[in-house]
């Protein structure tokens, strides 16, 4: 497994990546990507330790340690079904609180 370090302090916390995901993939496919990310967390993640991340340019999925965000001084009240959408080109990320 490959480990990648993301310095979130170099990226902007935004609110437009979810609508951009819908624009790029369509609503149904975007919801499916979110659902797959949550399933990945349920199958391979650790509650209160990992969070699924979606790479918005590719729709790729991974799990990241929540501590990566906490050490960058982002105050996160972690909840189940929370997903981080990340866009490398736009140097931005969004935390999405998905409801079932």
PDB file of N, CA and C in Angstrom:
ATOM      1  N   UNK A   1       0.841  -1.167   0.000  1.00  0.00           N
ATOM      2  CA  UNK A   1       0.000   0.000   0.000  1.00  0.00           C
ATOM      3  C   UNK A   1       0.892   1.238   0.000  1.00  0.00           C
ATOM      4  N   UNK A   2       0.564   2.222  -0.794  1.00  0.00           N
ATOM      5  CA  UNK A   2       1.327   3.446  -0.902  1.00  0.00           C
ATOM      6  C   UNK A   2       0.805   4.483   0.085  1.00  0.00           C
ATOM      7  N   UNK A   3       1.724   5.179   0.741  1.00  0.00           N
ATOM      8  CA  UNK A   3       1.346   6.233   1.672  1.00  0.00           C
ATOM      9  C   UNK A   3       1.713   7.578   1.065  1.00  0.00           C
ATOM     10  N   UNK A   4       0.759   8.494   1.057  1.00  0.00           N
ATOM     11  CA  UNK A   4       0.975   9.833   0.528  1.00  0.00           C
ATOM     12  C   UNK A   4       0.679  10.820   1.634  1.00  0.00           C
ATOM     13  N   UNK A   5       1.565  11.770   1.825  1.00  0.00           N
ATOM     14  CA  UNK A   5       1.360  12.801   2.837  1.00  0.00           C
ATOM     15  C   UNK A   5       0.790  14.048   2.167  1.00  0.00           C
ATOM     16  N   UNK A   6      -0.344  14.502   2.646  1.00  0.00           N
ATOM     17  CA  UNK A   6      -0.968  15.721   2.126  1.00  0.00           C
ATOM     18  C   UNK A   6      -0.885  16.779   3.211  1.00  0.00           C
ATOM     19  N   UNK A   7      -0.279  17.900   2.897  1.00  0.00           N
ATOM     20  CA  UNK A   7      -0.215  19.009   3.840  1.00  0.00           C
ATOM     21  C   UNK A   7      -1.437  19.900   3.601  1.00  0.00           C
ATOM     22  N   UNK A   8      -2.485  19.658   4.379  1.00  0.00           N
ATOM     23  CA  UNK A   8      -3.746  20.357   4.153  1.00  0.00           C
ATOM     24  C   UNK A   8      -3.641  21.862   4.388  1.00  0.00           C
ATOM     25  N   UNK A   9      -2.635  22.298   5.123  1.00  0.00           N
ATOM     26  CA  UNK A   9      -2.471  23.741   5.339  1.00  0.00           C
ATOM     27  C   UNK A   9      -2.157  24.468   4.034  1.00  0.00           C
ATOM     28  N   UNK A  10      -1.726  23.740   3.016  1.00  0.00           N
ATOM     29  CA  UNK A  10      -1.428  24.340   1.710  1.00  0.00           C
ATOM     30  C   UNK A  10      -2.647  24.349   0.790  1.00  0.00           C
ATOM     31  N   UNK A  11      -3.756  23.821   1.285  1.00  0.00           N
ATOM     32  CA  UNK A  11      -4.984  23.721   0.495  1.00  0.00           C
ATOM     33  C   UNK A  11      -6.096  24.507   1.170  1.00  0.00           C
ATOM     34  N   UNK A  12      -7.048  24.948   0.371  1.00  0.00           N
ATOM     35  CA  UNK A  12      -8.149  25.774   0.883  1.00  0.00           C
ATOM     36  C   UNK A  12      -9.373  24.912   1.157  1.00  0.00           C
ATOM     37  N   UNK A  13      -9.991  25.131   2.311  1.00  0.00           N
ATOM     38  CA  UNK A  13     -11.254  24.487   2.653  1.00  0.00           C
ATOM     39  C   UNK A  13     -12.367  25.249   1.935  1.00  0.00           C
ATOM     40  N   UNK A  14     -13.119  24.563   1.056  1.00  0.00           N
ATOM     41  CA  UNK A  14     -14.131  25.204   0.208  1.00  0.00           C
ATOM     42  C   UNK A  14     -15.463  24.467   0.310  1.00  0.00           C
ATOM     43  N   UNK A  15     -16.474  25.010  -0.364  1.00  0.00           N
ATOM     44  CA  UNK A  15     -17.801  24.391  -0.393  1.00  0.00           C
ATOM     45  C   UNK A  15     -18.281  24.071  -1.806  1.00  0.00           C
ATOM     46  N   UNK A  16     -17.394  24.130  -2.804  1.00  0.00           N
ATOM     47  CA  UNK A  16     -17.846  23.937  -4.176  1.00  0.00           C
ATOM     48  C   UNK A  16     -17.462  22.583  -4.793  1.00  0.00           C
ATOM     49  N   UNK A  17     -16.745  21.735  -4.078  1.00  0.00           N
ATOM     50  CA  UNK A  17     -16.295  20.489  -4.702  1.00  0.00           C
ATOM     51  C   UNK A  17     -17.408  19.459  -4.870  1.00  0.00           C
ATOM     52  N   UNK A  18     -18.372  19.431  -3.958  1.00  0.00           N
ATOM     53  CA  UNK A  18     -19.514  18.531  -4.141  1.00  0.00           C
ATOM     54  C   UNK A  18     -20.322  18.924  -5.375  1.00  0.00           C
ATOM     55  N   UNK A  19     -20.699  20.203  -5.549  1.00  0.00           N
ATOM     56  CA  UNK A  19     -21.399  20.565  -6.784  1.00  0.00           C
ATOM     57  C   UNK A  19     -20.546  20.301  -8.037  1.00  0.00           C
ATOM     58  N   UNK A  20     -19.229  20.481  -7.931  1.00  0.00           N
ATOM     59  CA  UNK A  20     -18.338  20.214  -9.065  1.00  0.00           C
ATOM     60  C   UNK A  20     -18.319  18.721  -9.391  1.00  0.00           C
ATOM     61  N   UNK A  21     -18.350  17.876  -8.369  1.00  0.00           N
ATOM     62  CA  UNK A  21     -18.406  16.431  -8.581  1.00  0.00           C
ATOM     63  C   UNK A  21     -19.689  16.053  -9.326  1.00  0.00           C
ATOM     64  N   UNK A  22     -20.800  16.672  -8.928  1.00  0.00           N
ATOM     65  CA  UNK A  22     -22.085  16.440  -9.607  1.00  0.00           C
ATOM     66  C   UNK A  22     -22.008  16.909 -11.056  1.00  0.00           C
ATOM     67  N   UNK A  23     -21.417  18.076 -11.267  1.00  0.00           N
ATOM     68  CA  UNK A  23     -21.278  18.621 -12.620  1.00  0.00           C
ATOM     69  C   UNK A  23     -20.429  17.702 -13.497  1.00  0.00           C
ATOM     70  N   UNK A  24     -19.343  17.173 -12.948  1.00  0.00           N
ATOM     71  CA  UNK A  24     -18.424  16.334 -13.721  1.00  0.00           C
ATOM     72  C   UNK A  24     -18.974  14.938 -14.007  1.00  0.00           C
ATOM     73  N   UNK A  25     -19.674  14.339 -13.024  1.00  0.00           N
ATOM     74  CA  UNK A  25     -20.085  12.946 -13.146  1.00  0.00           C
ATOM     75  C   UNK A  25     -21.590  12.728 -13.242  1.00  0.00           C
ATOM     76  N   UNK A  26     -22.377  13.751 -12.977  1.00  0.00           N
ATOM     77  CA  UNK A  26     -23.827  13.589 -12.911  1.00  0.00           C
ATOM     78  C   UNK A  26     -24.220  13.229 -11.487  1.00  0.00           C
ATOM     79  N   UNK A  27     -25.460  13.543 -11.117  1.00  0.00           N
ATOM     80  CA  UNK A  27     -25.885  13.368  -9.731  1.00  0.00           C
ATOM     81  C   UNK A  27     -25.819  11.917  -9.279  1.00  0.00           C
ATOM     82  N   UNK A  28     -26.342  11.001 -10.086  1.00  0.00           N
ATOM     83  CA  UNK A  28     -26.381   9.588  -9.674  1.00  0.00           C
ATOM     84  C   UNK A  28     -24.982   9.015  -9.500  1.00  0.00           C
ATOM     85  N   UNK A  29     -24.096   9.287 -10.434  1.00  0.00           N
ATOM     86  CA  UNK A  29     -22.721   8.772 -10.340  1.00  0.00           C
ATOM     87  C   UNK A  29     -21.986   9.417  -9.163  1.00  0.00           C
ATOM     88  N   UNK A  30     -22.194  10.710  -8.916  1.00  0.00           N
ATOM     89  CA  UNK A  30     -21.555  11.392  -7.779  1.00  0.00           C
ATOM     90  C   UNK A  30     -22.026  10.765  -6.461  1.00  0.00           C
ATOM     91  N   UNK A  31     -23.324  10.490  -6.342  1.00  0.00           N
ATOM     92  CA  UNK A  31     -23.854   9.818  -5.139  1.00  0.00           C
ATOM     93  C   UNK A  31     -23.264   8.416  -5.000  1.00  0.00           C
ATOM     94  N   UNK A  32     -23.079   7.736  -6.108  1.00  0.00           N
ATOM     95  CA  UNK A  32     -22.489   6.405  -6.080  1.00  0.00           C
ATOM     96  C   UNK A  32     -21.035   6.468  -5.594  1.00  0.00           C
ATOM     97  N   UNK A  33     -20.286   7.463  -6.026  1.00  0.00           N
ATOM     98  CA  UNK A  33     -18.901   7.634  -5.581  1.00  0.00           C
ATOM     99  C   UNK A  33     -18.864   7.881  -4.074  1.00  0.00           C
ATOM    100  N   UNK A  34     -19.764   8.723  -3.580  1.00  0.00           N
ATOM    101  CA  UNK A  34     -19.839   8.990  -2.131  1.00  0.00           C
ATOM    102  C   UNK A  34     -20.197   7.699  -1.386  1.00  0.00           C
ATOM    103  N   UNK A  35     -21.153   6.961  -1.900  1.00  0.00           N
ATOM    104  CA  UNK A  35     -21.571   5.709  -1.278  1.00  0.00           C
ATOM    105  C   UNK A  35     -20.416   4.700  -1.242  1.00  0.00           C
ATOM    106  N   UNK A  36     -19.652   4.629  -2.317  1.00  0.00           N
ATOM    107  CA  UNK A  36     -18.507   3.727  -2.360  1.00  0.00           C
ATOM    108  C   UNK A  36     -17.438   4.153  -1.351  1.00  0.00           C
ATOM    109  N   UNK A  37     -17.248   5.450  -1.183  1.00  0.00           N
ATOM    110  CA  UNK A  37     -16.277   5.951  -0.205  1.00  0.00           C
ATOM    111  C   UNK A  37     -16.700   5.564   1.214  1.00  0.00           C
ATOM    112  N   UNK A  38     -17.983   5.700   1.505  1.00  0.00           N
ATOM    113  CA  UNK A  38     -18.495   5.326   2.828  1.00  0.00           C
ATOM    114  C   UNK A  38     -18.379   3.820   3.036  1.00  0.00           C
ATOM    115  N   UNK A  39     -18.649   3.041   1.993  1.00  0.00           N
ATOM    116  CA  UNK A  39     -18.485   1.586   2.088  1.00  0.00           C
ATOM    117  C   UNK A  39     -17.018   1.211   2.331  1.00  0.00           C
ATOM    118  N   UNK A  40     -16.104   1.904   1.673  1.00  0.00           N
ATOM    119  CA  UNK A  40     -14.679   1.669   1.883  1.00  0.00           C
ATOM    120  C   UNK A  40     -14.311   1.892   3.347  1.00  0.00           C
ATOM    121  N   UNK A  41     -14.838   2.976   3.926  1.00  0.00           N
ATOM    122  CA  UNK A  41     -14.593   3.258   5.347  1.00  0.00           C
ATOM    123  C   UNK A  41     -15.145   2.138   6.227  1.00  0.00           C
ATOM    124  N   UNK A  42     -16.355   1.683   5.921  1.00  0.00           N
ATOM    125  CA  UNK A  42     -16.984   0.628   6.729  1.00  0.00           C
ATOM    126  C   UNK A  42     -16.225  -0.686   6.629  1.00  0.00           C
ATOM    127  N   UNK A  43     -15.683  -1.000   5.443  1.00  0.00           N
ATOM    128  CA  UNK A  43     -15.020  -2.285   5.236  1.00  0.00           C
ATOM    129  C   UNK A  43     -13.566  -2.286   5.706  1.00  0.00           C
ATOM    130  N   UNK A  44     -12.853  -1.171   5.486  1.00  0.00           N
ATOM    131  CA  UNK A  44     -11.412  -1.182   5.725  1.00  0.00           C
ATOM    132  C   UNK A  44     -10.932  -0.072   6.650  1.00  0.00           C
ATOM    133  N   UNK A  45     -11.816   0.830   7.018  1.00  0.00           N
ATOM    134  CA  UNK A  45     -11.424   1.948   7.866  1.00  0.00           C
ATOM    135  C   UNK A  45     -11.496   1.613   9.339  1.00  0.00           C
ATOM    136  N   UNK A  46     -11.071   2.557  10.122  1.00  0.00           N
ATOM    137  CA  UNK A  46     -11.135   2.436  11.576  1.00  0.00           C
ATOM    138  C   UNK A  46     -11.946   3.612  12.089  1.00  0.00           C
ATOM    139  N   UNK A  47     -13.024   3.327  12.797  1.00  0.00           N
ATOM    140  CA  UNK A  47     -13.909   4.377  13.296  1.00  0.00           C
ATOM    141  C   UNK A  47     -13.119   5.373  14.138  1.00  0.00           C
ATOM    142  N   UNK A  48     -13.358   6.648  13.911  1.00  0.00           N
ATOM    143  CA  UNK A  48     -12.715   7.761  14.608  1.00  0.00           C
ATOM    144  C   UNK A  48     -11.214   7.851  14.351  1.00  0.00           C
ATOM    145  N   UNK A  49     -10.699   7.089  13.371  1.00  0.00           N
ATOM    146  CA  UNK A  49      -9.274   7.160  13.048  1.00  0.00           C
ATOM    147  C   UNK A  49      -9.013   7.424  11.571  1.00  0.00           C
ATOM    148  N   UNK A  50      -9.919   6.964  10.710  1.00  0.00           N
ATOM    149  CA  UNK A  50      -9.743   7.177   9.275  1.00  0.00           C
ATOM    150  C   UNK A  50     -10.974   7.840   8.678  1.00  0.00           C
ATOM    151  N   UNK A  51     -10.761   8.465   7.523  1.00  0.00           N
ATOM    152  CA  UNK A  51     -11.840   9.123   6.793  1.00  0.00           C
ATOM    153  C   UNK A  51     -11.633   8.813   5.308  1.00  0.00           C
ATOM    154  N   UNK A  52     -12.711   8.522   4.585  1.00  0.00           N
ATOM    155  CA  UNK A  52     -12.553   8.299   3.155  1.00  0.00           C
ATOM    156  C   UNK A  52     -12.299   9.621   2.433  1.00  0.00           C
ATOM    157  N   UNK A  53     -11.444   9.549   1.425  1.00  0.00           N
ATOM    158  CA  UNK A  53     -11.136  10.713   0.611  1.00  0.00           C
ATOM    159  C   UNK A  53     -11.440  10.368  -0.843  1.00  0.00           C
ATOM    160  N   UNK A  54     -12.060  11.321  -1.527  1.00  0.00           N
ATOM    161  CA  UNK A  54     -12.364  11.186  -2.953  1.00  0.00           C
ATOM    162  C   UNK A  54     -11.493  12.188  -3.694  1.00  0.00           C
ATOM    163  N   UNK A  55     -10.769  11.712  -4.687  1.00  0.00           N
ATOM    164  CA  UNK A  55      -9.974  12.596  -5.529  1.00  0.00           C
ATOM    165  C   UNK A  55     -10.871  13.035  -6.677  1.00  0.00           C
ATOM    166  N   UNK A  56     -11.305  14.299  -6.634  1.00  0.00           N
ATOM    167  CA  UNK A  56     -12.370  14.738  -7.527  1.00  0.00           C
ATOM    168  C   UNK A  56     -11.978  14.722  -8.996  1.00  0.00           C
ATOM    169  N   UNK A  57     -10.721  14.837  -9.316  1.00  0.00           N
ATOM    170  CA  UNK A  57     -10.316  14.803 -10.716  1.00  0.00           C
ATOM    171  C   UNK A  57     -10.482  13.441 -11.358  1.00  0.00           C
ATOM    172  N   UNK A  58     -10.365  12.377 -10.551  1.00  0.00           N
ATOM    173  CA  UNK A  58     -10.409  11.024 -11.088  1.00  0.00           C
ATOM    174  C   UNK A  58     -11.549  10.187 -10.536  1.00  0.00           C
ATOM    175  N   UNK A  59     -12.130  10.605  -9.419  1.00  0.00           N
ATOM    176  CA  UNK A  59     -13.145   9.802  -8.755  1.00  0.00           C
ATOM    177  C   UNK A  59     -12.531   8.682  -7.942  1.00  0.00           C
ATOM    178  N   UNK A  60     -11.195   8.699  -7.802  1.00  0.00           N
ATOM    179  CA  UNK A  60     -10.505   7.684  -7.025  1.00  0.00           C
ATOM    180  C   UNK A  60     -10.801   7.809  -5.543  1.00  0.00           C
ATOM    181  N   UNK A  61     -10.648   6.707  -4.827  1.00  0.00           N
ATOM    182  CA  UNK A  61     -10.963   6.659  -3.400  1.00  0.00           C
ATOM    183  C   UNK A  61      -9.764   6.166  -2.607  1.00  0.00           C
ATOM    184  N   UNK A  62      -9.677   6.612  -1.358  1.00  0.00           N
ATOM    185  CA  UNK A  62      -8.656   6.131  -0.428  1.00  0.00           C
ATOM    186  C   UNK A  62      -9.139   6.435   0.987  1.00  0.00           C
ATOM    187  N   UNK A  63      -8.393   5.977   1.957  1.00  0.00           N
ATOM    188  CA  UNK A  63      -8.644   6.312   3.357  1.00  0.00           C
ATOM    189  C   UNK A  63      -7.453   7.113   3.865  1.00  0.00           C
ATOM    190  N   UNK A  64      -7.729   8.144   4.662  1.00  0.00           N
ATOM    191  CA  UNK A  64      -6.648   8.918   5.270  1.00  0.00           C
ATOM    192  C   UNK A  64      -6.853   8.931   6.780  1.00  0.00           C
ATOM    193  N   UNK A  65      -5.757   9.043   7.527  1.00  0.00           N
ATOM    194  CA  UNK A  65      -5.897   9.179   8.977  1.00  0.00           C
ATOM    195  C   UNK A  65      -6.477  10.546   9.321  1.00  0.00           C
ATOM    196  N   UNK A  66      -7.429  10.576  10.211  1.00  0.00           N
ATOM    197  CA  UNK A  66      -8.033  11.843  10.631  1.00  0.00           C
ATOM    198  C   UNK A  66      -6.982  12.773  11.234  1.00  0.00           C
ATOM    199  N   UNK A  67      -5.948  12.198  11.834  1.00  0.00           N
ATOM    200  CA  UNK A  67      -4.893  13.002  12.446  1.00  0.00           C
ATOM    201  C   UNK A  67      -4.216  13.918  11.433  1.00  0.00           C
ATOM    202  N   UNK A  68      -4.224  13.553  10.152  1.00  0.00           N
ATOM    203  CA  UNK A  68      -3.645  14.430   9.125  1.00  0.00           C
ATOM    204  C   UNK A  68      -4.358  15.775   9.107  1.00  0.00           C
ATOM    205  N   UNK A  69      -5.658  15.749   9.293  1.00  0.00           N
ATOM    206  CA  UNK A  69      -6.426  16.993   9.311  1.00  0.00           C
ATOM    207  C   UNK A  69      -6.287  17.701  10.653  1.00  0.00           C
ATOM    208  N   UNK A  70      -6.328  16.932  11.723  1.00  0.00           N
ATOM    209  CA  UNK A  70      -6.262  17.535  13.054  1.00  0.00           C
ATOM    210  C   UNK A  70      -4.941  18.250  13.290  1.00  0.00           C
ATOM    211  N   UNK A  71      -3.837  17.693  12.788  1.00  0.00           N
ATOM    212  CA  UNK A  71      -2.546  18.333  13.025  1.00  0.00           C
ATOM    213  C   UNK A  71      -2.375  19.586  12.168  1.00  0.00           C
ATOM    214  N   UNK A  72      -3.222  19.762  11.182  1.00  0.00           N
ATOM    215  CA  UNK A  72      -3.188  20.972  10.355  1.00  0.00           C
ATOM    216  C   UNK A  72      -4.109  22.058  10.918  1.00  0.00           C
ATOM    217  N   UNK A  73      -4.564  21.878  12.143  1.00  0.00           N
ATOM    218  CA  UNK A  73      -5.391  22.857  12.855  1.00  0.00           C
ATOM    219  C   UNK A  73      -6.785  23.039  12.276  1.00  0.00           C
ATOM    220  N   UNK A  74      -7.306  22.026  11.618  1.00  0.00           N
ATOM    221  CA  UNK A  74      -8.692  22.065  11.188  1.00  0.00           C
ATOM    222  C   UNK A  74      -9.509  21.395  12.283  1.00  0.00           C
ATOM    223  N   UNK A  75     -10.468  22.095  12.782  1.00  0.00           N
ATOM    224  CA  UNK A  75     -11.317  21.551  13.834  1.00  0.00           C
ATOM    225  C   UNK A  75     -12.381  20.672  13.194  1.00  0.00           C
ATOM    226  N   UNK A  76     -12.284  19.395  13.448  1.00  0.00           N
ATOM    227  CA  UNK A  76     -13.220  18.445  12.855  1.00  0.00           C
ATOM    228  C   UNK A  76     -13.942  17.714  13.967  1.00  0.00           C
ATOM    229  N   UNK A  77     -15.253  17.783  13.921  1.00  0.00           N
ATOM    230  CA  UNK A  77     -16.035  16.933  14.816  1.00  0.00           C
ATOM    231  C   UNK A  77     -16.438  15.738  13.959  1.00  0.00           C
ATOM    232  N   UNK A  78     -15.636  14.701  14.012  1.00  0.00           N
ATOM    233  CA  UNK A  78     -15.829  13.559  13.130  1.00  0.00           C
ATOM    234  C   UNK A  78     -17.161  12.872  13.386  1.00  0.00           C
ATOM    235  N   UNK A  79     -17.834  12.574  12.284  1.00  0.00           N
ATOM    236  CA  UNK A  79     -19.114  11.867  12.328  1.00  0.00           C
ATOM    237  C   UNK A  79     -19.051  10.704  11.350  1.00  0.00           C
ATOM    238  N   UNK A  80     -19.889   9.709  11.580  1.00  0.00           N
ATOM    239  CA  UNK A  80     -20.012   8.639  10.592  1.00  0.00           C
ATOM    240  C   UNK A  80     -20.501   9.250   9.285  1.00  0.00           C
ATOM    241  N   UNK A  81     -20.159   8.609   8.196  1.00  0.00           N
ATOM    242  CA  UNK A  81     -20.569   9.038   6.857  1.00  0.00           C
ATOM    243  C   UNK A  81     -20.011  10.398   6.455  1.00  0.00           C
ATOM    244  N   UNK A  82     -18.864  10.751   6.995  1.00  0.00           N
ATOM    245  CA  UNK A  82     -18.188  11.972   6.598  1.00  0.00           C
ATOM    246  C   UNK A  82     -17.142  11.618   5.543  1.00  0.00           C
ATOM    247  N   UNK A  83     -17.082  12.399   4.473  1.00  0.00           N
ATOM    248  CA  UNK A  83     -16.194  12.132   3.350  1.00  0.00           C
ATOM    249  C   UNK A  83     -15.439  13.413   3.015  1.00  0.00           C
ATOM    250  N   UNK A  84     -14.162  13.269   2.696  1.00  0.00           N
ATOM    251  CA  UNK A  84     -13.359  14.413   2.281  1.00  0.00           C
ATOM    252  C   UNK A  84     -13.209  14.349   0.766  1.00  0.00           C
ATOM    253  N   UNK A  85     -13.574  15.427   0.098  1.00  0.00           N
ATOM    254  CA  UNK A  85     -13.395  15.537  -1.354  1.00  0.00           C
ATOM    255  C   UNK A  85     -12.164  16.409  -1.565  1.00  0.00           C
ATOM    256  N   UNK A  86     -11.232  15.938  -2.367  1.00  0.00           N
ATOM    257  CA  UNK A  86      -9.946  16.604  -2.534  1.00  0.00           C
ATOM    258  C   UNK A  86      -9.688  16.886  -4.003  1.00  0.00           C
ATOM    259  N   UNK A  87      -9.246  18.117  -4.309  1.00  0.00           N
ATOM    260  CA  UNK A  87      -8.920  18.477  -5.676  1.00  0.00           C
ATOM    261  C   UNK A  87      -7.517  19.066  -5.703  1.00  0.00           C
ATOM    262  N   UNK A  88      -6.582  18.294  -6.235  1.00  0.00           N
ATOM    263  CA  UNK A  88      -5.182  18.696  -6.273  1.00  0.00           C
ATOM    264  C   UNK A  88      -4.976  19.925  -7.157  1.00  0.00           C
ATOM    265  N   UNK A  89      -5.583  19.948  -8.339  1.00  0.00           N
ATOM    266  CA  UNK A  89      -5.384  21.065  -9.279  1.00  0.00           C
ATOM    267  C   UNK A  89      -5.887  22.385  -8.717  1.00  0.00           C
ATOM    268  N   UNK A  90      -7.019  22.352  -8.037  1.00  0.00           N
ATOM    269  CA  UNK A  90      -7.586  23.588  -7.477  1.00  0.00           C
ATOM    270  C   UNK A  90      -7.055  23.895  -6.081  1.00  0.00           C
ATOM    271  N   UNK A  91      -6.171  23.003  -5.577  1.00  0.00           N
ATOM    272  CA  UNK A  91      -5.579  23.165  -4.251  1.00  0.00           C
ATOM    273  C   UNK A  91      -6.668  23.401  -3.200  1.00  0.00           C
ATOM    274  N   UNK A  92      -7.679  22.521  -3.222  1.00  0.00           N
ATOM    275  CA  UNK A  92      -8.821  22.705  -2.334  1.00  0.00           C
ATOM    276  C   UNK A  92      -9.370  21.361  -1.872  1.00  0.00           C
ATOM    277  N   UNK A  93     -10.139  21.425  -0.793  1.00  0.00           N
ATOM    278  CA  UNK A  93     -10.819  20.240  -0.287  1.00  0.00           C
ATOM    279  C   UNK A  93     -12.111  20.662   0.399  1.00  0.00           C
ATOM    280  N   UNK A  94     -13.019  19.701   0.512  1.00  0.00           N
ATOM    281  CA  UNK A  94     -14.306  19.930   1.167  1.00  0.00           C
ATOM    282  C   UNK A  94     -14.636  18.708   2.005  1.00  0.00           C
ATOM    283  N   UNK A  95     -15.158  18.936   3.193  1.00  0.00           N
ATOM    284  CA  UNK A  95     -15.628  17.849   4.025  1.00  0.00           C
ATOM    285  C   UNK A  95     -17.135  17.780   3.888  1.00  0.00           C
ATOM    286  N   UNK A  96     -17.596  16.636   3.417  1.00  0.00           N
ATOM    287  CA  UNK A  96     -19.004  16.434   3.133  1.00  0.00           C
ATOM    288  C   UNK A  96     -19.592  15.538   4.219  1.00  0.00           C
ATOM    289  N   UNK A  97     -20.648  15.997   4.836  1.00  0.00           N
ATOM    290  CA  UNK A  97     -21.379  15.199   5.826  1.00  0.00           C
ATOM    291  C   UNK A  97     -22.548  14.559   5.107  1.00  0.00           C
ATOM    292  N   UNK A  98     -22.370  13.307   4.728  1.00  0.00           N
ATOM    293  CA  UNK A  98     -23.374  12.592   3.958  1.00  0.00           C
ATOM    294  C   UNK A  98     -24.431  12.009   4.884  1.00  0.00           C
ATOM    295  N   UNK A  99     -25.681  12.205   4.531  1.00  0.00           N
ATOM    296  CA  UNK A  99     -26.769  11.589   5.292  1.00  0.00           C
ATOM    297  C   UNK A  99     -27.349  10.458   4.484  1.00  0.00           C
ATOM    298  N   UNK A 100     -27.827   9.444   5.175  1.00  0.00           N
ATOM    299  CA  UNK A 100     -28.399   8.278   4.470  1.00  0.00           C
ATOM    300  C   UNK A 100     -29.830   8.505   4.102  1.00  0.00           C
TER     301      UNK A 100
END
